Structures are given as structure tokens and as C-alpha cells.
N, C-alpha and C. Protein backbone atom coordinates (compact mmCIF):
# COMPACT_ATOMS: atom_id res chain seq x y z
N UNK A 1 129.31 19.01 68.11
CA UNK A 1 128.12 19.81 68.31
C UNK A 1 126.96 18.95 68.84
N UNK A 2 126.82 17.77 68.24
CA UNK A 2 125.75 16.89 68.72
C UNK A 2 126.02 16.43 70.16
N UNK A 3 127.28 16.23 70.48
CA UNK A 3 127.61 15.86 71.87
C UNK A 3 127.22 16.98 72.83
N UNK A 4 127.43 18.22 72.44
CA UNK A 4 127.04 19.35 73.30
C UNK A 4 125.52 19.44 73.43
N UNK A 5 124.82 19.18 72.35
CA UNK A 5 123.35 19.18 72.41
C UNK A 5 122.86 18.07 73.33
N UNK A 6 123.45 16.89 73.21
CA UNK A 6 123.06 15.76 74.06
C UNK A 6 123.32 16.10 75.53
N UNK A 7 124.48 16.70 75.82
CA UNK A 7 124.82 17.05 77.21
C UNK A 7 123.87 18.12 77.74
N UNK A 8 123.57 19.14 76.92
CA UNK A 8 122.65 20.20 77.36
C UNK A 8 121.27 19.65 77.62
N UNK A 9 120.81 18.73 76.77
CA UNK A 9 119.50 18.11 76.97
C UNK A 9 119.48 17.30 78.25
N UNK A 10 120.56 16.56 78.51
CA UNK A 10 120.62 15.74 79.73
C UNK A 10 120.55 16.62 80.97
N UNK A 11 121.26 17.75 80.96
CA UNK A 11 121.22 18.66 82.12
C UNK A 11 119.82 19.21 82.35
N UNK A 12 119.06 19.34 81.26
CA UNK A 12 117.70 19.88 81.38
C UNK A 12 116.66 18.79 81.59
N UNK A 13 117.11 17.54 81.68
CA UNK A 13 116.18 16.43 81.86
C UNK A 13 115.34 16.18 80.63
N UNK A 14 115.92 16.45 79.44
CA UNK A 14 115.20 16.30 78.19
C UNK A 14 115.88 15.26 77.30
N UNK A 15 115.13 14.77 76.32
CA UNK A 15 115.72 13.88 75.33
C UNK A 15 116.32 14.71 74.20
N UNK A 16 117.54 14.36 73.76
CA UNK A 16 118.12 15.10 72.62
C UNK A 16 117.31 14.92 71.34
N UNK A 17 116.48 13.88 71.29
CA UNK A 17 115.64 13.66 70.11
C UNK A 17 114.61 14.76 69.94
N UNK A 18 114.38 15.55 71.00
CA UNK A 18 113.42 16.65 70.92
C UNK A 18 114.01 17.87 70.21
N UNK A 19 115.31 17.85 69.95
CA UNK A 19 116.00 19.07 69.50
C UNK A 19 116.56 18.88 68.10
N UNK A 20 116.17 19.78 67.20
CA UNK A 20 116.64 19.76 65.82
C UNK A 20 117.78 20.76 65.66
N UNK A 21 118.85 20.31 65.02
CA UNK A 21 119.97 21.17 64.70
C UNK A 21 119.80 21.70 63.27
N UNK A 22 119.75 23.02 63.14
CA UNK A 22 119.73 23.66 61.83
C UNK A 22 121.07 24.36 61.64
N UNK A 23 121.79 23.95 60.61
CA UNK A 23 123.06 24.57 60.31
C UNK A 23 122.85 25.88 59.56
N UNK A 24 123.34 26.97 60.12
CA UNK A 24 123.16 28.28 59.49
C UNK A 24 124.28 28.48 58.48
N UNK A 25 123.92 28.34 57.22
CA UNK A 25 124.92 28.32 56.15
C UNK A 25 125.04 29.65 55.41
N UNK A 26 124.46 30.69 55.96
CA UNK A 26 124.57 32.04 55.37
C UNK A 26 126.03 32.39 55.08
N UNK A 27 126.28 32.79 53.83
CA UNK A 27 127.59 33.23 53.34
C UNK A 27 128.64 32.12 53.36
N UNK A 28 128.24 30.90 53.61
CA UNK A 28 129.15 29.77 53.45
C UNK A 28 128.84 29.10 52.12
N UNK A 29 129.82 28.49 51.54
CA UNK A 29 129.69 27.94 50.20
C UNK A 29 128.81 26.70 50.18
N UNK A 30 128.37 26.36 48.97
CA UNK A 30 127.62 25.13 48.78
C UNK A 30 128.47 23.92 49.16
N UNK A 31 129.77 24.01 48.93
CA UNK A 31 130.67 22.91 49.31
C UNK A 31 130.68 22.70 50.83
N UNK A 32 130.60 23.79 51.58
CA UNK A 32 130.53 23.68 53.04
C UNK A 32 129.24 23.00 53.47
N UNK A 33 128.14 23.35 52.82
CA UNK A 33 126.86 22.69 53.12
C UNK A 33 126.96 21.21 52.79
N UNK A 34 127.57 20.90 51.67
CA UNK A 34 127.71 19.49 51.28
C UNK A 34 128.53 18.72 52.33
N UNK A 35 129.58 19.34 52.85
CA UNK A 35 130.39 18.68 53.88
C UNK A 35 129.59 18.46 55.15
N UNK A 36 128.79 19.46 55.53
CA UNK A 36 127.95 19.31 56.73
C UNK A 36 126.90 18.22 56.52
N UNK A 37 126.34 18.17 55.32
CA UNK A 37 125.37 17.11 54.99
C UNK A 37 126.04 15.73 55.12
N UNK A 38 127.27 15.61 54.63
CA UNK A 38 127.99 14.34 54.71
C UNK A 38 128.23 13.94 56.16
N UNK A 39 128.32 14.95 57.06
CA UNK A 39 128.52 14.68 58.49
C UNK A 39 127.20 14.42 59.21
N UNK A 40 126.08 14.50 58.50
CA UNK A 40 124.81 14.14 59.10
C UNK A 40 123.80 15.25 59.28
N UNK A 41 124.17 16.50 58.97
CA UNK A 41 123.21 17.60 59.08
C UNK A 41 122.26 17.54 57.90
N UNK A 42 120.97 17.70 58.17
CA UNK A 42 119.98 17.62 57.10
C UNK A 42 119.16 18.91 56.96
N UNK A 43 119.24 19.79 57.94
CA UNK A 43 118.45 21.01 57.91
C UNK A 43 119.39 22.21 57.94
N UNK A 44 119.12 23.17 57.05
CA UNK A 44 120.00 24.31 56.89
C UNK A 44 119.19 25.59 56.85
N UNK A 45 119.77 26.64 57.44
CA UNK A 45 119.10 27.94 57.49
C UNK A 45 119.84 28.96 56.67
N UNK A 46 119.09 29.70 55.87
CA UNK A 46 119.65 30.77 55.04
C UNK A 46 118.95 32.08 55.36
N UNK A 47 119.69 33.18 55.23
CA UNK A 47 119.14 34.51 55.51
C UNK A 47 118.61 35.21 54.27
N UNK A 48 119.17 34.85 53.13
CA UNK A 48 118.85 35.59 51.90
C UNK A 48 118.28 34.66 50.85
N UNK A 49 117.17 35.06 50.25
CA UNK A 49 116.47 34.21 49.30
C UNK A 49 117.33 33.92 48.08
N UNK A 50 117.99 34.94 47.54
CA UNK A 50 118.77 34.73 46.33
C UNK A 50 119.96 33.81 46.58
N UNK A 51 120.63 33.97 47.71
CA UNK A 51 121.75 33.09 48.04
C UNK A 51 121.26 31.65 48.17
N UNK A 52 120.12 31.47 48.82
CA UNK A 52 119.56 30.13 48.97
C UNK A 52 119.19 29.54 47.61
N UNK A 53 118.67 30.37 46.73
CA UNK A 53 118.29 29.90 45.40
C UNK A 53 119.50 29.30 44.68
N UNK A 54 120.62 29.98 44.76
CA UNK A 54 121.84 29.50 44.10
C UNK A 54 122.33 28.20 44.73
N UNK A 55 122.29 28.11 46.06
CA UNK A 55 122.76 26.89 46.72
C UNK A 55 121.84 25.70 46.44
N UNK A 56 120.54 25.96 46.42
CA UNK A 56 119.60 24.87 46.13
C UNK A 56 119.90 24.25 44.77
N UNK A 57 120.21 25.09 43.80
CA UNK A 57 120.52 24.59 42.46
C UNK A 57 121.81 23.75 42.48
N UNK A 58 122.78 24.18 43.26
CA UNK A 58 124.06 23.47 43.30
C UNK A 58 123.99 22.18 44.10
N UNK A 59 123.00 22.07 44.97
CA UNK A 59 122.92 20.92 45.88
C UNK A 59 121.68 20.07 45.62
N UNK A 60 121.13 20.17 44.43
CA UNK A 60 119.88 19.48 44.12
C UNK A 60 120.02 17.96 44.15
N UNK A 61 121.25 17.46 44.11
CA UNK A 61 121.46 16.01 44.13
C UNK A 61 121.40 15.43 45.53
N UNK A 62 121.43 16.27 46.56
CA UNK A 62 121.43 15.76 47.94
C UNK A 62 120.01 15.44 48.38
N UNK A 63 119.85 14.31 49.04
CA UNK A 63 118.54 13.89 49.51
C UNK A 63 118.29 14.39 50.94
N UNK A 64 117.02 14.48 51.28
CA UNK A 64 116.57 14.79 52.65
C UNK A 64 117.02 16.16 53.12
N UNK A 65 117.33 17.05 52.20
CA UNK A 65 117.74 18.40 52.59
C UNK A 65 116.49 19.23 52.85
N UNK A 66 116.47 19.92 53.98
CA UNK A 66 115.37 20.83 54.30
C UNK A 66 115.94 22.23 54.53
N UNK A 67 115.37 23.20 53.85
CA UNK A 67 115.85 24.57 53.94
C UNK A 67 114.89 25.42 54.76
N UNK A 68 115.47 26.22 55.68
CA UNK A 68 114.72 27.14 56.52
C UNK A 68 115.13 28.57 56.16
N UNK A 69 114.17 29.46 56.02
CA UNK A 69 114.51 30.87 55.90
C UNK A 69 114.53 31.46 57.31
N UNK A 70 115.69 32.00 57.71
CA UNK A 70 115.82 32.54 59.06
C UNK A 70 116.16 34.03 59.04
N UNK A 71 116.14 34.63 57.85
CA UNK A 71 116.38 36.06 57.72
C UNK A 71 115.10 36.78 57.36
N UNK A 72 115.11 38.09 57.50
CA UNK A 72 113.93 38.89 57.18
C UNK A 72 113.56 38.71 55.70
N UNK A 73 112.27 38.75 55.44
CA UNK A 73 111.77 38.53 54.09
C UNK A 73 110.88 39.68 53.66
N UNK A 74 111.14 40.19 52.47
CA UNK A 74 110.26 41.17 51.86
C UNK A 74 109.11 40.45 51.18
N UNK A 75 107.93 41.03 51.27
CA UNK A 75 106.75 40.37 50.72
C UNK A 75 106.88 40.10 49.23
N UNK A 76 107.62 40.95 48.50
CA UNK A 76 107.73 40.74 47.06
C UNK A 76 108.61 39.55 46.69
N UNK A 77 109.26 38.94 47.68
CA UNK A 77 110.05 37.74 47.43
C UNK A 77 109.37 36.49 47.97
N UNK A 78 108.10 36.62 48.32
CA UNK A 78 107.38 35.50 48.93
C UNK A 78 107.27 34.31 47.97
N UNK A 79 107.02 34.57 46.69
CA UNK A 79 106.84 33.46 45.75
C UNK A 79 108.11 32.62 45.64
N UNK A 80 109.26 33.28 45.52
CA UNK A 80 110.51 32.54 45.43
C UNK A 80 110.80 31.82 46.74
N UNK A 81 110.52 32.46 47.86
CA UNK A 81 110.75 31.83 49.16
C UNK A 81 109.93 30.56 49.30
N UNK A 82 108.68 30.61 48.90
CA UNK A 82 107.81 29.43 49.00
C UNK A 82 108.34 28.29 48.15
N UNK A 83 108.95 28.62 47.01
CA UNK A 83 109.46 27.57 46.12
C UNK A 83 110.71 26.90 46.69
N UNK A 84 111.43 27.60 47.58
CA UNK A 84 112.72 27.10 48.06
C UNK A 84 112.66 26.45 49.44
N UNK A 85 111.88 27.03 50.34
CA UNK A 85 111.99 26.68 51.75
C UNK A 85 110.86 25.78 52.22
N UNK A 86 111.21 24.88 53.15
CA UNK A 86 110.19 24.07 53.83
C UNK A 86 109.60 24.81 55.02
N UNK A 87 110.38 25.76 55.56
CA UNK A 87 109.90 26.54 56.71
C UNK A 87 110.41 27.96 56.61
N UNK A 88 109.53 28.92 56.87
CA UNK A 88 109.91 30.32 57.00
C UNK A 88 109.76 30.68 58.47
N UNK A 89 110.89 31.00 59.13
CA UNK A 89 110.88 31.21 60.58
C UNK A 89 110.65 32.66 60.97
N UNK A 90 110.50 33.55 60.00
CA UNK A 90 110.59 34.99 60.30
C UNK A 90 109.32 35.76 59.93
N UNK A 91 108.17 35.16 60.14
CA UNK A 91 106.91 35.88 59.90
C UNK A 91 106.68 36.83 61.07
N UNK A 92 106.67 38.13 60.78
CA UNK A 92 106.52 39.11 61.87
C UNK A 92 105.43 40.15 61.58
N UNK A 93 104.65 39.92 60.52
CA UNK A 93 103.56 40.84 60.20
C UNK A 93 102.55 40.11 59.33
N UNK A 94 101.30 40.55 59.43
CA UNK A 94 100.23 39.88 58.71
C UNK A 94 100.41 39.97 57.21
N UNK A 95 100.86 41.12 56.70
CA UNK A 95 101.00 41.29 55.26
C UNK A 95 101.97 40.27 54.66
N UNK A 96 103.05 39.96 55.38
CA UNK A 96 103.99 38.95 54.90
C UNK A 96 103.34 37.57 54.90
N UNK A 97 102.63 37.25 55.97
CA UNK A 97 101.94 35.96 56.03
C UNK A 97 100.94 35.81 54.89
N UNK A 98 100.24 36.88 54.58
CA UNK A 98 99.27 36.83 53.48
C UNK A 98 99.97 36.60 52.14
N UNK A 99 101.12 37.24 51.94
CA UNK A 99 101.86 37.04 50.70
C UNK A 99 102.36 35.60 50.59
N UNK A 100 102.84 35.05 51.68
CA UNK A 100 103.28 33.66 51.68
C UNK A 100 102.11 32.71 51.44
N UNK A 101 100.98 33.02 52.02
CA UNK A 101 99.80 32.19 51.82
C UNK A 101 99.37 32.18 50.36
N UNK A 102 99.32 33.35 49.74
CA UNK A 102 98.93 33.41 48.32
C UNK A 102 99.89 32.60 47.46
N UNK A 103 101.19 32.73 47.74
CA UNK A 103 102.19 32.00 46.96
C UNK A 103 102.08 30.49 47.19
N UNK A 104 101.81 30.10 48.42
CA UNK A 104 101.68 28.67 48.73
C UNK A 104 100.44 28.07 48.07
N UNK A 105 99.35 28.82 48.04
CA UNK A 105 98.15 28.36 47.34
C UNK A 105 98.44 28.19 45.86
N UNK A 106 99.15 29.16 45.29
CA UNK A 106 99.49 29.12 43.87
C UNK A 106 100.32 27.89 43.53
N UNK A 107 101.23 27.54 44.41
CA UNK A 107 102.10 26.37 44.18
C UNK A 107 101.49 25.07 44.70
N UNK A 108 100.33 25.16 45.31
CA UNK A 108 99.68 23.99 45.91
C UNK A 108 100.63 23.30 46.90
N UNK A 109 101.21 24.13 47.76
CA UNK A 109 102.18 23.65 48.74
C UNK A 109 101.76 24.11 50.13
N UNK A 110 101.94 23.24 51.11
CA UNK A 110 101.73 23.63 52.51
C UNK A 110 103.09 24.07 53.07
N UNK A 111 103.13 25.29 53.57
CA UNK A 111 104.38 25.87 54.07
C UNK A 111 104.32 26.01 55.58
N UNK A 112 105.33 25.49 56.26
CA UNK A 112 105.43 25.69 57.71
C UNK A 112 106.00 27.08 58.00
N UNK A 113 105.42 27.75 58.95
CA UNK A 113 105.91 29.09 59.32
C UNK A 113 105.98 29.20 60.83
N UNK A 114 106.93 30.05 61.27
CA UNK A 114 107.03 30.44 62.67
C UNK A 114 106.82 31.93 62.75
N UNK A 115 106.24 32.39 63.83
CA UNK A 115 106.15 33.82 64.11
C UNK A 115 107.41 34.23 64.85
N UNK A 116 108.10 35.24 64.32
CA UNK A 116 109.32 35.73 64.95
C UNK A 116 108.96 36.78 65.99
N UNK A 117 109.48 36.61 67.20
CA UNK A 117 109.21 37.51 68.31
C UNK A 117 110.47 38.30 68.65
N UNK A 118 110.31 39.59 68.81
CA UNK A 118 111.43 40.48 69.16
C UNK A 118 111.66 40.40 70.67
N UNK A 119 112.65 39.61 71.07
CA UNK A 119 112.93 39.43 72.49
C UNK A 119 113.78 40.55 73.06
N UNK A 120 114.46 41.30 72.19
CA UNK A 120 115.34 42.36 72.67
C UNK A 120 114.58 43.63 73.02
N UNK A 121 113.35 43.76 72.52
CA UNK A 121 112.59 44.98 72.76
C UNK A 121 113.16 46.18 72.09
N UNK A 122 113.93 45.97 71.02
CA UNK A 122 114.61 47.04 70.32
C UNK A 122 113.98 47.24 68.95
N UNK A 123 113.81 48.49 68.55
CA UNK A 123 113.26 48.79 67.23
C UNK A 123 114.21 48.37 66.12
N UNK A 124 115.47 48.14 66.45
CA UNK A 124 116.45 47.72 65.44
C UNK A 124 116.39 46.22 65.17
N UNK A 125 115.64 45.50 65.97
CA UNK A 125 115.53 44.05 65.79
C UNK A 125 114.22 43.71 65.09
N UNK A 126 114.26 42.68 64.26
CA UNK A 126 113.06 42.21 63.60
C UNK A 126 112.19 41.45 64.59
N UNK A 127 110.95 41.27 64.23
CA UNK A 127 110.05 40.48 65.06
C UNK A 127 108.90 41.28 65.61
N UNK A 128 107.80 40.58 65.83
CA UNK A 128 106.63 41.19 66.45
C UNK A 128 106.89 41.35 67.95
N UNK A 129 106.25 42.30 68.58
CA UNK A 129 106.44 42.47 70.02
C UNK A 129 105.84 41.28 70.77
N UNK A 130 106.34 41.04 71.95
CA UNK A 130 105.79 39.96 72.76
C UNK A 130 104.31 40.17 73.03
N UNK A 131 103.91 41.43 73.22
CA UNK A 131 102.51 41.73 73.53
C UNK A 131 101.58 41.40 72.38
N UNK A 132 102.11 41.48 71.14
CA UNK A 132 101.27 41.27 69.96
C UNK A 132 101.43 39.90 69.33
N UNK A 133 102.29 39.07 69.90
CA UNK A 133 102.64 37.81 69.25
C UNK A 133 101.46 36.85 69.13
N UNK A 134 100.70 36.66 70.19
CA UNK A 134 99.61 35.69 70.14
C UNK A 134 98.50 36.16 69.20
N UNK A 135 98.25 37.47 69.16
CA UNK A 135 97.24 38.00 68.24
C UNK A 135 97.64 37.75 66.79
N UNK A 136 98.94 37.95 66.49
CA UNK A 136 99.40 37.68 65.13
C UNK A 136 99.25 36.19 64.81
N UNK A 137 99.54 35.35 65.77
CA UNK A 137 99.38 33.90 65.55
C UNK A 137 97.95 33.55 65.18
N UNK A 138 97.00 34.17 65.83
CA UNK A 138 95.59 33.90 65.52
C UNK A 138 95.28 34.28 64.08
N UNK A 139 95.83 35.39 63.62
CA UNK A 139 95.60 35.84 62.24
C UNK A 139 96.28 34.92 61.23
N UNK A 140 97.49 34.51 61.54
CA UNK A 140 98.25 33.67 60.62
C UNK A 140 97.64 32.27 60.53
N UNK A 141 97.14 31.78 61.63
CA UNK A 141 96.70 30.38 61.71
C UNK A 141 95.51 30.07 60.79
N UNK A 142 94.77 31.07 60.36
CA UNK A 142 93.60 30.81 59.51
C UNK A 142 93.90 31.00 58.02
N UNK A 143 95.12 31.38 57.67
CA UNK A 143 95.46 31.61 56.27
C UNK A 143 95.66 30.27 55.56
N UNK A 144 95.13 30.14 54.35
CA UNK A 144 95.25 28.86 53.63
C UNK A 144 96.69 28.52 53.27
N UNK A 145 96.97 27.23 53.35
CA UNK A 145 98.26 26.64 52.95
C UNK A 145 99.44 27.05 53.82
N UNK A 146 99.18 27.70 54.93
CA UNK A 146 100.23 27.95 55.92
C UNK A 146 99.97 27.06 57.13
N UNK A 147 101.03 26.46 57.65
CA UNK A 147 100.92 25.67 58.88
C UNK A 147 101.74 26.38 59.95
N UNK A 148 101.05 27.09 60.81
CA UNK A 148 101.74 27.78 61.90
C UNK A 148 102.23 26.76 62.91
N UNK A 149 103.55 26.76 63.14
CA UNK A 149 104.16 25.68 63.94
C UNK A 149 104.79 26.15 65.23
N UNK A 150 104.81 27.48 65.51
CA UNK A 150 105.40 27.94 66.76
C UNK A 150 106.07 29.28 66.63
N UNK A 151 107.13 29.47 67.43
CA UNK A 151 107.82 30.75 67.54
C UNK A 151 109.30 30.62 67.23
N UNK A 152 109.85 31.73 66.78
CA UNK A 152 111.30 31.90 66.66
C UNK A 152 111.69 33.18 67.38
N UNK A 153 112.83 33.15 68.07
CA UNK A 153 113.31 34.35 68.73
C UNK A 153 114.81 34.33 68.89
N UNK A 154 115.39 35.54 69.00
CA UNK A 154 116.83 35.69 69.21
C UNK A 154 117.04 36.56 70.45
N UNK A 155 117.75 36.05 71.41
CA UNK A 155 118.01 36.81 72.63
C UNK A 155 119.00 37.94 72.35
N UNK A 156 118.97 39.00 73.15
CA UNK A 156 120.00 40.04 73.02
C UNK A 156 121.39 39.45 73.26
N UNK A 157 122.38 40.04 72.63
CA UNK A 157 123.75 39.57 72.83
C UNK A 157 124.18 39.82 74.28
N UNK A 158 124.69 38.79 74.91
CA UNK A 158 125.14 38.89 76.31
C UNK A 158 126.51 38.23 76.43
N UNK A 159 127.36 38.82 77.24
CA UNK A 159 128.69 38.24 77.47
C UNK A 159 128.58 36.88 78.14
N UNK A 160 127.59 36.73 79.00
CA UNK A 160 127.34 35.48 79.71
C UNK A 160 126.09 34.84 79.13
N UNK A 161 126.22 33.65 78.56
CA UNK A 161 125.08 33.00 77.93
C UNK A 161 123.94 32.77 78.91
N UNK A 162 124.27 32.58 80.19
CA UNK A 162 123.21 32.35 81.18
C UNK A 162 122.28 33.56 81.29
N UNK A 163 122.79 34.73 80.95
CA UNK A 163 121.97 35.94 81.03
C UNK A 163 120.87 35.96 79.97
N UNK A 164 120.97 35.08 78.98
CA UNK A 164 119.93 35.01 77.95
C UNK A 164 118.72 34.20 78.42
N UNK A 165 118.88 33.45 79.48
CA UNK A 165 117.81 32.52 79.86
C UNK A 165 116.48 33.20 80.17
N UNK A 166 116.45 34.35 80.85
CA UNK A 166 115.14 34.98 81.08
C UNK A 166 114.42 35.33 79.78
N UNK A 167 115.16 35.71 78.75
CA UNK A 167 114.54 36.02 77.46
C UNK A 167 113.95 34.76 76.84
N UNK A 168 114.72 33.68 76.87
CA UNK A 168 114.22 32.42 76.34
C UNK A 168 113.03 31.91 77.15
N UNK A 169 113.06 32.12 78.45
CA UNK A 169 111.95 31.67 79.29
C UNK A 169 110.66 32.40 78.93
N UNK A 170 110.77 33.69 78.63
CA UNK A 170 109.57 34.45 78.24
C UNK A 170 108.98 33.91 76.93
N UNK A 171 109.87 33.56 75.99
CA UNK A 171 109.37 33.03 74.73
C UNK A 171 108.73 31.65 74.94
N UNK A 172 109.31 30.86 75.82
CA UNK A 172 108.70 29.56 76.12
C UNK A 172 107.32 29.74 76.73
N UNK A 173 107.17 30.73 77.59
CA UNK A 173 105.85 30.98 78.19
C UNK A 173 104.83 31.38 77.12
N UNK A 174 105.24 32.21 76.17
CA UNK A 174 104.35 32.55 75.06
C UNK A 174 104.00 31.29 74.26
N UNK A 175 105.00 30.49 74.00
CA UNK A 175 104.82 29.25 73.25
C UNK A 175 103.79 28.35 73.92
N UNK A 176 103.85 28.28 75.23
CA UNK A 176 102.91 27.43 75.97
C UNK A 176 101.48 27.93 75.88
N UNK A 177 101.30 29.19 75.46
CA UNK A 177 99.96 29.73 75.29
C UNK A 177 99.33 29.41 73.96
N UNK A 178 100.09 28.77 73.05
CA UNK A 178 99.55 28.40 71.74
C UNK A 178 98.72 27.13 71.83
N UNK A 179 97.76 26.96 70.93
CA UNK A 179 97.04 25.67 70.85
C UNK A 179 98.01 24.54 70.54
N UNK A 180 97.63 23.32 70.89
CA UNK A 180 98.51 22.17 70.72
C UNK A 180 99.02 22.04 69.29
N UNK A 181 98.16 22.24 68.30
CA UNK A 181 98.54 22.03 66.91
C UNK A 181 99.60 23.01 66.45
N UNK A 182 99.67 24.16 67.10
CA UNK A 182 100.65 25.19 66.73
C UNK A 182 101.91 25.15 67.60
N UNK A 183 101.91 24.30 68.59
CA UNK A 183 103.03 24.23 69.55
C UNK A 183 103.95 23.08 69.16
N UNK A 184 104.61 23.25 68.01
CA UNK A 184 105.46 22.20 67.47
C UNK A 184 106.94 22.57 67.50
N UNK A 185 107.26 23.83 67.23
CA UNK A 185 108.66 24.25 67.09
C UNK A 185 108.91 25.51 67.90
N UNK A 186 109.92 25.46 68.76
CA UNK A 186 110.38 26.63 69.50
C UNK A 186 111.83 26.84 69.10
N UNK A 187 112.03 27.75 68.15
CA UNK A 187 113.35 27.99 67.56
C UNK A 187 114.05 29.11 68.31
N UNK A 188 115.05 28.75 69.10
CA UNK A 188 115.81 29.75 69.84
C UNK A 188 117.15 29.15 70.23
N UNK A 189 118.15 30.01 70.22
CA UNK A 189 119.50 29.57 70.56
C UNK A 189 120.39 29.50 69.33
N UNK A 190 121.58 30.12 69.44
CA UNK A 190 122.57 30.10 68.37
C UNK A 190 123.90 29.62 68.95
N UNK A 191 124.98 29.81 68.22
CA UNK A 191 126.26 29.22 68.63
C UNK A 191 126.66 29.59 70.06
N UNK A 192 126.42 30.84 70.45
CA UNK A 192 126.88 31.29 71.76
C UNK A 192 125.95 31.01 72.92
N UNK A 193 124.70 30.65 72.62
CA UNK A 193 123.74 30.52 73.73
C UNK A 193 122.77 29.35 73.56
N UNK A 194 123.06 28.42 72.66
CA UNK A 194 122.08 27.36 72.41
C UNK A 194 121.88 26.45 73.61
N UNK A 195 122.92 26.28 74.43
CA UNK A 195 122.76 25.42 75.61
C UNK A 195 121.79 26.03 76.61
N UNK A 196 121.85 27.37 76.77
CA UNK A 196 120.88 28.06 77.62
C UNK A 196 119.48 27.94 77.03
N UNK A 197 119.38 28.01 75.71
CA UNK A 197 118.08 27.89 75.05
C UNK A 197 117.49 26.50 75.26
N UNK A 198 118.33 25.47 75.16
CA UNK A 198 117.86 24.11 75.39
C UNK A 198 117.36 23.96 76.82
N UNK A 199 118.06 24.58 77.76
CA UNK A 199 117.63 24.53 79.16
C UNK A 199 116.26 25.14 79.35
N UNK A 200 115.90 26.09 78.48
CA UNK A 200 114.60 26.77 78.59
C UNK A 200 113.55 26.22 77.62
N UNK A 201 113.87 25.12 76.94
CA UNK A 201 112.83 24.45 76.17
C UNK A 201 112.93 24.52 74.66
N UNK A 202 114.02 25.02 74.11
CA UNK A 202 114.16 25.09 72.65
C UNK A 202 114.00 23.70 72.04
N UNK A 203 113.30 23.64 70.92
CA UNK A 203 113.20 22.39 70.16
C UNK A 203 113.99 22.46 68.86
N UNK A 204 114.49 23.64 68.53
CA UNK A 204 115.30 23.84 67.33
C UNK A 204 116.35 24.88 67.64
N UNK A 205 117.60 24.58 67.33
CA UNK A 205 118.69 25.53 67.55
C UNK A 205 119.35 25.84 66.21
N UNK A 206 119.75 27.09 66.04
CA UNK A 206 120.28 27.57 64.76
C UNK A 206 121.79 27.82 64.94
N UNK A 207 122.61 26.93 64.39
CA UNK A 207 124.05 26.96 64.67
C UNK A 207 124.82 27.28 63.39
N UNK A 208 125.56 28.39 63.43
CA UNK A 208 126.37 28.77 62.29
C UNK A 208 127.85 28.67 62.59
N UNK A 209 128.38 29.65 63.34
CA UNK A 209 129.82 29.74 63.58
C UNK A 209 130.40 28.48 64.22
N UNK A 210 129.71 27.91 65.20
CA UNK A 210 130.24 26.73 65.90
C UNK A 210 130.29 25.51 64.99
N UNK A 211 129.54 25.55 63.90
CA UNK A 211 129.51 24.43 62.97
C UNK A 211 130.40 24.66 61.76
N UNK A 212 130.31 25.85 61.19
CA UNK A 212 131.01 26.17 59.94
C UNK A 212 132.26 27.02 60.12
N UNK A 213 132.43 27.61 61.30
CA UNK A 213 133.51 28.58 61.49
C UNK A 213 133.05 29.97 61.12
N UNK A 214 133.95 30.94 61.20
CA UNK A 214 133.61 32.32 60.89
C UNK A 214 133.16 32.44 59.43
N UNK A 215 132.16 33.30 59.22
CA UNK A 215 131.68 33.51 57.86
C UNK A 215 132.71 34.26 57.02
N UNK A 216 132.94 33.80 55.81
CA UNK A 216 133.82 34.57 54.91
C UNK A 216 133.12 35.85 54.47
N UNK A 217 133.88 36.86 54.13
CA UNK A 217 133.28 38.11 53.69
C UNK A 217 132.62 37.96 52.33
N UNK A 218 133.15 37.04 51.51
CA UNK A 218 132.58 36.76 50.21
C UNK A 218 132.58 35.26 50.00
N UNK A 219 131.44 34.73 49.54
CA UNK A 219 131.38 33.29 49.29
C UNK A 219 132.12 32.98 48.01
């Protein structure tokens, strides 16, 4: 996987050091995470707060582990999310950001957050609309104990990964409109399209199936 990231970065004229690999461990066991950690992965993405809570307890002996929330979050789970994750990538409304801010203040913790943008333009997909993304960023950026670090987006499913590039390009253009302090992380690209995302400027790719294999139906 790292060889593919290095090759994709080289084709784009970029350094692979600019790109963070987050292993998407949703529905994979703690033992699988431990094996990936032993292979050098240090950042992991989870979709569900409760599942992450259980894995964090089982893997508390591992050093340098950073957990990302990459699934939708209900505001009533903000306190637990703040206690578990170093980054929440799925902020798509002000009310959620406010709940995370209150929880972060309570824990005296600075939490990194990304605004999730709906690149598919579908009501069935999570994320703020592209038209409203920068306005939401302005609102989030002033909340205490939150560090707005950029954008997260997921391209529509396409048979040809190259067809995702226009979607990633639009998100990169939005990203370039952020102030320098907020232009730190551009999270886009998964197992099937991460190379296209790297070509369009991704600084973080979320890899599940290509790293862990197919998800089991039950962990």
C-alpha cells in the first residue's frame, strides 16, 4: 500500500511524506488493528463511537495510536467521541460542532475537526453542500477548543477511478479557499480511488479493504 502511495505521489510530482495513510478498521477486530500497527500504520479510522470505544480499551498498550472518527456522529455522542478521537472528520452542521466544542472544553482538550463536504450532491449522502461549506467553516473556526484543519469528502462510486477526479478537484478548490491555518488536511480517497485523490491533492487517504480485506459481517 505504501508503495502504491509513493508511486501515485511521484506521478503527481508530490512527496509521499505529504500523504497520511489512515487504516479504516470499521468492523475489523482489535487483533487486525494490532497487526496493522505492527506493520507501521499509526492512524486508524472508525465509523462507530461504541465500536471504537471497545477497541481503544483493547489496544491501550499500543503507543502512537491516533484515532479518527470518519462516520456520521450524533450530537448526543459528542462527549464520548471527544474522549476517544484525535480528529473528527465528519462535521457537517453547526449544532454538531457546538456539541463537540462544549465537550472539548469540558475535557480541556483541543480537538482537530474536518468539515465533511457532500461531493455526490445526493440527499442520501452525509456532508454539507459545496455551496455552504466555506460558511460552515467560518462558524466552526471560532468555536473554543476546536481546531478546524480542512475538509473531508467521498466521491460518488464510479467504475473508473479516473472519473472521480473532477469531484476531488472541486474539493481541492474549496480547500484552497480556506485560510492558511485551516488548510492542513484534505481527506479524500479510499481503496478504489485513492490514487486519483492523490493526483488531485489529497493529504490523507482512508484505506480499508485494500489494507484489511473485506469486512466481516460480525467482528
